[in-house]
Amino acid sequence: MGAGQEQKGAIQRTSLSQEIQKLKRKIKSYDSQERRLVQLFRYGEINQDSILDELNQLKKEREADKQKLEDYTRAKEHLGNLELAEMRLAEYCQRLRHDLDNATFHEKREILEMLAIKVVATPEHINVEGVIPLEATSTQSSDSSPKVLTIGRTSA
């Protein structure tokens, strides 16, 4: 992973972390807002319809913020997983490059089969697709390991 990409990933993680913290604080604040509304109702400052409307609105906002918090938390986890996958992919490509230099013709064919390379050429473009195992070594071809589908395209 390049330095620019690492920095971008760190900024995204920091931004997500900040948003997650803001949402946690906001969700905590809903309880005190509800208490203040109840106090206003007790003191006769607002009527029953108004308090019910306000409480329903707070409930909707709380649920929306909880969903947003869940989404941001999941996105942060996915971002970390993607960064790890990118590092593993770079390591895998490096190992594969070294193995290809020393491989026999038969071993090279096995590697291409393991990567499930598919090439479709038309007069307009060429599509190259493949699957790269993120956990497997260059000689391991376990179907249970995580994989990244890669697609390359060129136009004529």
N, C-alpha and C. Protein backbone atom coordinates (compact mmCIF):
# COMPACT_ATOMS: atom_id res chain seq x y z
N MET A 1 0.86 -1.17 0.00
CA MET A 1 0.00 0.00 0.00
C MET A 1 0.90 1.23 0.00
N GLY A 2 0.61 2.19 -0.88
CA GLY A 2 1.42 3.39 -0.98
C GLY A 2 1.19 4.33 0.19
N ALA A 3 2.11 5.27 0.36
CA ALA A 3 2.02 6.21 1.48
C ALA A 3 0.76 7.07 1.37
N GLY A 4 0.40 7.47 0.15
CA GLY A 4 -0.80 8.27 -0.05
C GLY A 4 -2.06 7.52 0.32
N GLN A 5 -2.11 6.24 -0.04
CA GLN A 5 -3.27 5.43 0.29
C GLN A 5 -3.34 5.18 1.79
N GLU A 6 -2.20 4.95 2.43
CA GLU A 6 -2.17 4.75 3.89
C GLU A 6 -2.71 5.99 4.59
N GLN A 7 -2.27 7.16 4.12
CA GLN A 7 -2.71 8.41 4.72
C GLN A 7 -4.22 8.60 4.51
N LYS A 8 -4.70 8.29 3.31
CA LYS A 8 -6.13 8.41 3.02
C LYS A 8 -6.93 7.48 3.91
N GLY A 9 -6.45 6.24 4.08
CA GLY A 9 -7.13 5.28 4.95
C GLY A 9 -7.15 5.76 6.39
N ALA A 10 -6.04 6.33 6.85
CA ALA A 10 -5.98 6.84 8.22
C ALA A 10 -6.95 8.00 8.41
N ILE A 11 -7.06 8.86 7.41
CA ILE A 11 -8.00 10.00 7.47
C ILE A 11 -9.43 9.48 7.52
N GLN A 12 -9.73 8.48 6.69
CA GLN A 12 -11.08 7.93 6.68
C GLN A 12 -11.42 7.27 8.02
N ARG A 13 -10.45 6.52 8.58
CA ARG A 13 -10.68 5.88 9.88
C ARG A 13 -10.89 6.93 10.96
N THR A 14 -10.06 8.00 10.93
CA THR A 14 -10.19 9.07 11.93
C THR A 14 -11.52 9.76 11.78
N SER A 15 -11.92 10.06 10.56
CA SER A 15 -13.19 10.72 10.32
C SER A 15 -14.35 9.85 10.79
N LEU A 16 -14.30 8.56 10.48
CA LEU A 16 -15.35 7.65 10.95
C LEU A 16 -15.35 7.57 12.47
N SER A 17 -14.19 7.50 13.07
CA SER A 17 -14.10 7.44 14.53
C SER A 17 -14.72 8.69 15.16
N GLN A 18 -14.44 9.85 14.57
CA GLN A 18 -15.01 11.09 15.09
C GLN A 18 -16.53 11.09 14.95
N GLU A 19 -17.02 10.64 13.81
CA GLU A 19 -18.47 10.58 13.60
C GLU A 19 -19.12 9.60 14.56
N ILE A 20 -18.46 8.48 14.80
CA ILE A 20 -18.98 7.48 15.73
C ILE A 20 -19.07 8.07 17.13
N GLN A 21 -18.03 8.79 17.56
CA GLN A 21 -18.05 9.42 18.89
C GLN A 21 -19.15 10.47 18.99
N LYS A 22 -19.33 11.28 17.94
CA LYS A 22 -20.39 12.29 17.94
C LYS A 22 -21.76 11.62 18.08
N LEU A 23 -21.97 10.54 17.33
CA LEU A 23 -23.25 9.86 17.40
C LEU A 23 -23.49 9.24 18.77
N LYS A 24 -22.45 8.68 19.37
CA LYS A 24 -22.60 8.10 20.72
C LYS A 24 -23.03 9.18 21.72
N ARG A 25 -22.38 10.35 21.62
CA ARG A 25 -22.75 11.46 22.53
C ARG A 25 -24.19 11.91 22.27
N LYS A 26 -24.54 12.00 20.98
CA LYS A 26 -25.88 12.45 20.62
C LYS A 26 -26.93 11.46 21.12
N ILE A 27 -26.66 10.17 20.98
CA ILE A 27 -27.61 9.15 21.44
C ILE A 27 -27.78 9.22 22.96
N LYS A 28 -26.67 9.46 23.67
CA LYS A 28 -26.76 9.61 25.13
C LYS A 28 -27.61 10.82 25.51
N SER A 29 -27.57 11.86 24.71
CA SER A 29 -28.28 13.10 25.05
C SER A 29 -29.80 12.96 24.93
N TYR A 30 -30.28 11.96 24.22
CA TYR A 30 -31.73 11.82 24.06
C TYR A 30 -32.44 11.58 25.40
N ASP A 31 -31.81 10.85 26.31
CA ASP A 31 -32.43 10.61 27.62
C ASP A 31 -32.68 11.92 28.37
N SER A 32 -31.68 12.80 28.37
CA SER A 32 -31.85 14.07 29.09
C SER A 32 -32.89 14.96 28.38
N GLN A 33 -32.96 14.88 27.05
CA GLN A 33 -33.98 15.65 26.34
C GLN A 33 -35.38 15.16 26.71
N GLU A 34 -35.53 13.85 26.82
CA GLU A 34 -36.82 13.30 27.22
C GLU A 34 -37.19 13.73 28.64
N ARG A 35 -36.21 13.70 29.55
CA ARG A 35 -36.47 14.14 30.93
C ARG A 35 -36.91 15.60 30.97
N ARG A 36 -36.26 16.45 30.19
CA ARG A 36 -36.63 17.87 30.17
C ARG A 36 -38.06 18.05 29.64
N LEU A 37 -38.43 17.27 28.63
CA LEU A 37 -39.80 17.36 28.11
C LEU A 37 -40.81 16.94 29.17
N VAL A 38 -40.51 15.88 29.90
CA VAL A 38 -41.41 15.42 30.96
C VAL A 38 -41.53 16.49 32.04
N GLN A 39 -40.42 17.13 32.40
CA GLN A 39 -40.48 18.20 33.39
C GLN A 39 -41.34 19.36 32.90
N LEU A 40 -41.20 19.72 31.64
CA LEU A 40 -42.03 20.80 31.09
C LEU A 40 -43.50 20.42 31.16
N PHE A 41 -43.80 19.16 30.88
CA PHE A 41 -45.18 18.70 30.96
C PHE A 41 -45.69 18.76 32.40
N ARG A 42 -44.85 18.35 33.37
CA ARG A 42 -45.23 18.39 34.79
C ARG A 42 -45.54 19.82 35.25
N TYR A 43 -44.74 20.75 34.76
CA TYR A 43 -44.94 22.15 35.17
C TYR A 43 -46.04 22.83 34.35
N GLY A 44 -46.64 22.09 33.44
CA GLY A 44 -47.73 22.66 32.66
C GLY A 44 -47.29 23.58 31.55
N GLU A 45 -46.04 23.51 31.18
CA GLU A 45 -45.52 24.39 30.13
C GLU A 45 -45.92 23.91 28.73
N ILE A 46 -46.13 22.58 28.59
CA ILE A 46 -46.58 22.04 27.29
C ILE A 46 -47.73 21.07 27.56
N ASN A 47 -48.58 20.90 26.55
CA ASN A 47 -49.72 20.00 26.71
C ASN A 47 -49.36 18.57 26.30
N GLN A 48 -50.31 17.66 26.52
CA GLN A 48 -50.07 16.24 26.27
C GLN A 48 -49.78 15.96 24.80
N ASP A 49 -50.50 16.59 23.90
CA ASP A 49 -50.27 16.37 22.47
C ASP A 49 -48.85 16.80 22.06
N SER A 50 -48.44 17.93 22.59
CA SER A 50 -47.10 18.43 22.26
C SER A 50 -46.02 17.50 22.77
N ILE A 51 -46.15 17.03 24.00
CA ILE A 51 -45.11 16.15 24.55
C ILE A 51 -45.07 14.83 23.79
N LEU A 52 -46.25 14.31 23.43
CA LEU A 52 -46.27 13.07 22.66
C LEU A 52 -45.61 13.24 21.29
N ASP A 53 -45.90 14.37 20.64
CA ASP A 53 -45.27 14.65 19.34
C ASP A 53 -43.75 14.75 19.48
N GLU A 54 -43.32 15.48 20.50
CA GLU A 54 -41.88 15.66 20.71
C GLU A 54 -41.19 14.34 21.06
N LEU A 55 -41.84 13.55 21.93
CA LEU A 55 -41.25 12.26 22.31
C LEU A 55 -41.16 11.31 21.10
N ASN A 56 -42.20 11.32 20.27
CA ASN A 56 -42.16 10.49 19.06
C ASN A 56 -41.05 10.95 18.11
N GLN A 57 -40.90 12.26 17.99
CA GLN A 57 -39.83 12.79 17.13
C GLN A 57 -38.46 12.39 17.67
N LEU A 58 -38.28 12.51 19.00
CA LEU A 58 -37.01 12.10 19.60
C LEU A 58 -36.75 10.61 19.39
N LYS A 59 -37.79 9.82 19.50
CA LYS A 59 -37.65 8.37 19.29
C LYS A 59 -37.20 8.08 17.86
N LYS A 60 -37.81 8.75 16.89
CA LYS A 60 -37.42 8.57 15.48
C LYS A 60 -35.97 8.99 15.26
N GLU A 61 -35.59 10.13 15.82
CA GLU A 61 -34.21 10.61 15.66
C GLU A 61 -33.22 9.66 16.31
N ARG A 62 -33.57 9.15 17.51
CA ARG A 62 -32.69 8.22 18.21
C ARG A 62 -32.49 6.95 17.37
N GLU A 63 -33.57 6.40 16.83
CA GLU A 63 -33.48 5.18 16.02
C GLU A 63 -32.65 5.43 14.76
N ALA A 64 -32.85 6.58 14.13
CA ALA A 64 -32.06 6.91 12.93
C ALA A 64 -30.58 7.04 13.28
N ASP A 65 -30.29 7.66 14.42
CA ASP A 65 -28.89 7.82 14.84
C ASP A 65 -28.27 6.47 15.23
N LYS A 66 -29.06 5.60 15.86
CA LYS A 66 -28.55 4.27 16.19
C LYS A 66 -28.22 3.49 14.93
N GLN A 67 -29.08 3.61 13.92
CA GLN A 67 -28.82 2.93 12.66
C GLN A 67 -27.57 3.49 11.99
N LYS A 68 -27.44 4.82 12.02
CA LYS A 68 -26.27 5.47 11.45
C LYS A 68 -25.00 5.02 12.19
N LEU A 69 -25.08 4.93 13.51
CA LEU A 69 -23.94 4.47 14.31
C LEU A 69 -23.55 3.05 13.93
N GLU A 70 -24.54 2.20 13.77
CA GLU A 70 -24.28 0.82 13.36
C GLU A 70 -23.62 0.78 11.98
N ASP A 71 -24.13 1.59 11.06
CA ASP A 71 -23.57 1.65 9.71
C ASP A 71 -22.13 2.16 9.72
N TYR A 72 -21.87 3.22 10.49
CA TYR A 72 -20.52 3.77 10.56
C TYR A 72 -19.55 2.78 11.20
N THR A 73 -20.01 2.09 12.24
CA THR A 73 -19.17 1.10 12.91
C THR A 73 -18.81 -0.03 11.94
N ARG A 74 -19.81 -0.49 11.20
CA ARG A 74 -19.57 -1.54 10.20
C ARG A 74 -18.62 -1.03 9.11
N ALA A 75 -18.81 0.20 8.66
CA ALA A 75 -17.95 0.77 7.62
C ALA A 75 -16.50 0.86 8.11
N LYS A 76 -16.32 1.24 9.37
CA LYS A 76 -14.97 1.33 9.93
C LYS A 76 -14.31 -0.05 9.96
N GLU A 77 -15.08 -1.07 10.34
CA GLU A 77 -14.55 -2.43 10.35
C GLU A 77 -14.18 -2.87 8.93
N HIS A 78 -15.07 -2.58 7.97
CA HIS A 78 -14.80 -2.95 6.58
C HIS A 78 -13.57 -2.24 6.04
N LEU A 79 -13.41 -1.00 6.42
CA LEU A 79 -12.24 -0.24 5.98
C LEU A 79 -10.96 -0.89 6.49
N GLY A 80 -10.97 -1.29 7.75
CA GLY A 80 -9.81 -1.98 8.31
C GLY A 80 -9.55 -3.30 7.60
N ASN A 81 -10.63 -4.04 7.30
CA ASN A 81 -10.49 -5.31 6.58
C ASN A 81 -9.95 -5.09 5.18
N LEU A 82 -10.40 -4.03 4.51
CA LEU A 82 -9.91 -3.73 3.17
C LEU A 82 -8.43 -3.38 3.18
N GLU A 83 -8.01 -2.62 4.18
CA GLU A 83 -6.60 -2.25 4.27
C GLU A 83 -5.74 -3.49 4.51
N LEU A 84 -6.23 -4.38 5.37
CA LEU A 84 -5.51 -5.63 5.61
C LEU A 84 -5.47 -6.47 4.34
N ALA A 85 -6.58 -6.55 3.63
CA ALA A 85 -6.62 -7.31 2.38
C ALA A 85 -5.66 -6.72 1.36
N GLU A 86 -5.57 -5.40 1.32
CA GLU A 86 -4.66 -4.75 0.37
C GLU A 86 -3.21 -5.08 0.70
N MET A 87 -2.87 -5.09 1.99
CA MET A 87 -1.50 -5.45 2.38
C MET A 87 -1.22 -6.90 2.02
N ARG A 88 -2.16 -7.78 2.32
CA ARG A 88 -1.98 -9.20 1.99
C ARG A 88 -1.87 -9.40 0.49
N LEU A 89 -2.65 -8.66 -0.26
CA LEU A 89 -2.61 -8.76 -1.71
C LEU A 89 -1.23 -8.35 -2.24
N ALA A 90 -0.69 -7.28 -1.71
CA ALA A 90 0.65 -6.84 -2.13
C ALA A 90 1.69 -7.90 -1.79
N GLU A 91 1.58 -8.48 -0.59
CA GLU A 91 2.52 -9.55 -0.21
C GLU A 91 2.35 -10.75 -1.12
N TYR A 92 1.12 -11.11 -1.42
CA TYR A 92 0.85 -12.26 -2.27
C TYR A 92 1.43 -12.04 -3.67
N CYS A 93 1.22 -10.87 -4.22
CA CYS A 93 1.75 -10.56 -5.55
C CYS A 93 3.28 -10.62 -5.56
N GLN A 94 3.89 -10.14 -4.49
CA GLN A 94 5.35 -10.19 -4.39
C GLN A 94 5.82 -11.64 -4.37
N ARG A 95 5.18 -12.50 -3.57
CA ARG A 95 5.54 -13.93 -3.51
C ARG A 95 5.31 -14.58 -4.87
N LEU A 96 4.18 -14.26 -5.49
CA LEU A 96 3.84 -14.86 -6.78
C LEU A 96 4.85 -14.44 -7.84
N ARG A 97 5.25 -13.17 -7.83
CA ARG A 97 6.23 -12.68 -8.79
C ARG A 97 7.54 -13.46 -8.64
N HIS A 98 7.96 -13.67 -7.40
CA HIS A 98 9.19 -14.43 -7.16
C HIS A 98 9.01 -15.88 -7.61
N ASP A 99 7.86 -16.49 -7.29
CA ASP A 99 7.61 -17.88 -7.67
C ASP A 99 7.55 -18.04 -9.18
N LEU A 100 6.97 -17.05 -9.87
CA LEU A 100 6.88 -17.15 -11.33
C LEU A 100 8.25 -17.13 -11.99
N ASP A 101 9.16 -16.37 -11.42
CA ASP A 101 10.51 -16.31 -11.98
C ASP A 101 11.19 -17.67 -11.94
N ASN A 102 10.88 -18.47 -10.93
CA ASN A 102 11.54 -19.75 -10.73
C ASN A 102 10.66 -20.94 -11.10
N ALA A 103 9.46 -20.71 -11.64
CA ALA A 103 8.52 -21.79 -11.89
C ALA A 103 8.73 -22.44 -13.24
N THR A 104 8.38 -23.73 -13.29
CA THR A 104 8.39 -24.45 -14.57
C THR A 104 7.12 -24.09 -15.32
N PHE A 105 7.05 -24.52 -16.58
CA PHE A 105 5.86 -24.26 -17.38
C PHE A 105 4.63 -24.86 -16.71
N HIS A 106 4.72 -26.09 -16.21
CA HIS A 106 3.61 -26.76 -15.54
C HIS A 106 3.16 -25.98 -14.30
N GLU A 107 4.11 -25.51 -13.50
CA GLU A 107 3.78 -24.74 -12.29
C GLU A 107 3.10 -23.43 -12.65
N LYS A 108 3.55 -22.80 -13.73
CA LYS A 108 2.92 -21.54 -14.17
C LYS A 108 1.47 -21.78 -14.57
N ARG A 109 1.20 -22.90 -15.25
CA ARG A 109 -0.17 -23.23 -15.63
C ARG A 109 -1.02 -23.47 -14.38
N GLU A 110 -0.47 -24.13 -13.37
CA GLU A 110 -1.20 -24.37 -12.12
C GLU A 110 -1.52 -23.05 -11.43
N ILE A 111 -0.58 -22.14 -11.45
CA ILE A 111 -0.80 -20.82 -10.83
C ILE A 111 -1.93 -20.10 -11.56
N LEU A 112 -1.93 -20.12 -12.90
CA LEU A 112 -3.00 -19.48 -13.66
C LEU A 112 -4.35 -20.12 -13.36
N GLU A 113 -4.38 -21.45 -13.22
CA GLU A 113 -5.63 -22.13 -12.88
C GLU A 113 -6.09 -21.74 -11.48
N MET A 114 -5.14 -21.66 -10.54
CA MET A 114 -5.47 -21.28 -9.17
C MET A 114 -6.06 -19.87 -9.12
N LEU A 115 -5.54 -18.99 -9.95
CA LEU A 115 -6.02 -17.61 -9.97
C LEU A 115 -7.31 -17.46 -10.77
N ALA A 116 -7.75 -18.54 -11.42
CA ALA A 116 -8.97 -18.54 -12.22
C ALA A 116 -8.97 -17.39 -13.22
N ILE A 117 -7.88 -17.25 -13.95
CA ILE A 117 -7.74 -16.20 -14.95
C ILE A 117 -8.69 -16.46 -16.10
N LYS A 118 -9.46 -15.45 -16.46
CA LYS A 118 -10.40 -15.53 -17.57
C LYS A 118 -10.18 -14.30 -18.44
N VAL A 119 -9.93 -14.52 -19.70
CA VAL A 119 -9.70 -13.41 -20.63
C VAL A 119 -10.77 -13.46 -21.71
N VAL A 120 -11.46 -12.33 -21.91
CA VAL A 120 -12.45 -12.21 -22.98
C VAL A 120 -12.03 -11.02 -23.84
N ALA A 121 -11.75 -11.31 -25.11
CA ALA A 121 -11.30 -10.25 -26.02
C ALA A 121 -12.36 -10.01 -27.08
N THR A 122 -12.69 -8.74 -27.29
CA THR A 122 -13.59 -8.32 -28.37
C THR A 122 -12.85 -7.23 -29.15
N PRO A 123 -13.36 -6.86 -30.30
CA PRO A 123 -12.69 -5.78 -31.05
C PRO A 123 -12.62 -4.46 -30.27
N GLU A 124 -13.58 -4.25 -29.35
CA GLU A 124 -13.61 -2.99 -28.61
C GLU A 124 -12.73 -2.98 -27.37
N HIS A 125 -12.62 -4.12 -26.67
CA HIS A 125 -11.85 -4.14 -25.43
C HIS A 125 -11.46 -5.56 -25.04
N ILE A 126 -10.60 -5.64 -24.04
CA ILE A 126 -10.16 -6.92 -23.48
C ILE A 126 -10.48 -6.90 -21.99
N ASN A 127 -11.18 -7.94 -21.52
CA ASN A 127 -11.47 -8.08 -20.08
C ASN A 127 -10.62 -9.20 -19.53
N VAL A 128 -9.92 -8.93 -18.43
CA VAL A 128 -9.14 -9.93 -17.74
C VAL A 128 -9.69 -10.01 -16.32
N GLU A 129 -10.15 -11.20 -15.91
CA GLU A 129 -10.69 -11.40 -14.58
C GLU A 129 -9.92 -12.51 -13.88
N GLY A 130 -9.82 -12.40 -12.56
CA GLY A 130 -9.16 -13.44 -11.79
C GLY A 130 -9.51 -13.35 -10.33
N VAL A 131 -9.23 -14.40 -9.60
CA VAL A 131 -9.49 -14.46 -8.16
C VAL A 131 -8.17 -14.66 -7.46
N ILE A 132 -7.87 -13.80 -6.50
CA ILE A 132 -6.61 -13.88 -5.77
C ILE A 132 -6.89 -14.30 -4.33
N PRO A 133 -6.39 -15.48 -3.91
CA PRO A 133 -6.59 -15.89 -2.52
C PRO A 133 -5.75 -15.02 -1.59
N LEU A 134 -6.37 -14.47 -0.55
CA LEU A 134 -5.65 -13.57 0.35
C LEU A 134 -4.92 -14.32 1.45
N GLU A 135 -5.35 -15.51 1.79
CA GLU A 135 -4.72 -16.29 2.85
C GLU A 135 -3.77 -17.34 2.32
N ALA A 136 -3.99 -17.78 1.10
CA ALA A 136 -3.23 -18.90 0.57
C ALA A 136 -1.81 -18.50 0.20
N THR A 137 -0.89 -19.44 0.29
CA THR A 137 0.46 -19.22 -0.21
C THR A 137 0.44 -19.46 -1.70
N SER A 138 1.54 -19.24 -2.37
CA SER A 138 1.56 -19.39 -3.82
C SER A 138 1.34 -20.83 -4.26
N THR A 139 1.58 -21.80 -3.38
CA THR A 139 1.37 -23.20 -3.75
C THR A 139 0.09 -23.77 -3.16
N GLN A 140 -0.60 -23.01 -2.33
CA GLN A 140 -1.82 -23.47 -1.67
C GLN A 140 -3.01 -23.00 -2.48
N SER A 141 -4.01 -23.86 -2.67
CA SER A 141 -5.18 -23.46 -3.43
C SER A 141 -6.45 -23.83 -2.68
N SER A 142 -6.55 -23.41 -1.44
CA SER A 142 -7.71 -23.71 -0.60
C SER A 142 -8.89 -22.85 -1.01
N ASP A 143 -10.03 -23.48 -1.24
CA ASP A 143 -11.23 -22.73 -1.61
C ASP A 143 -11.85 -22.02 -0.42
N SER A 144 -11.41 -22.35 0.81
CA SER A 144 -12.01 -21.73 1.99
C SER A 144 -11.34 -20.42 2.37
N SER A 145 -10.26 -20.05 1.71
CA SER A 145 -9.57 -18.82 2.08
C SER A 145 -10.26 -17.62 1.44
N PRO A 146 -10.16 -16.44 2.09
CA PRO A 146 -10.75 -15.23 1.51
C PRO A 146 -10.11 -14.90 0.17
N LYS A 147 -10.90 -14.37 -0.74
CA LYS A 147 -10.40 -14.06 -2.08
C LYS A 147 -10.86 -12.68 -2.49
N VAL A 148 -10.12 -12.09 -3.42
CA VAL A 148 -10.49 -10.82 -4.00
C VAL A 148 -10.64 -11.02 -5.49
N LEU A 149 -11.79 -10.66 -6.04
CA LEU A 149 -11.98 -10.74 -7.47
C LEU A 149 -11.35 -9.50 -8.09
N THR A 150 -10.49 -9.74 -9.05
CA THR A 150 -9.85 -8.61 -9.72
C THR A 150 -10.28 -8.61 -11.17
N ILE A 151 -10.52 -7.43 -11.68
CA ILE A 151 -10.95 -7.29 -13.07
C ILE A 151 -10.14 -6.19 -13.71
N GLY A 152 -9.55 -6.50 -14.86
CA GLY A 152 -8.80 -5.49 -15.60
C GLY A 152 -9.44 -5.31 -16.95
N ARG A 153 -9.49 -4.11 -17.46
CA ARG A 153 -10.07 -3.86 -18.78
C ARG A 153 -9.17 -2.93 -19.56
N THR A 154 -9.09 -3.21 -20.83
CA THR A 154 -8.40 -2.29 -21.72
C THR A 154 -9.29 -2.05 -22.93
N SER A 155 -9.19 -0.93 -23.53
CA SER A 155 -9.96 -0.62 -24.74
C SER A 155 -9.02 -0.46 -25.89
N ALA A 156 -9.51 -0.92 -27.04
CA ALA A 156 -8.68 -0.85 -28.26
C ALA A 156 -8.76 0.53 -28.87
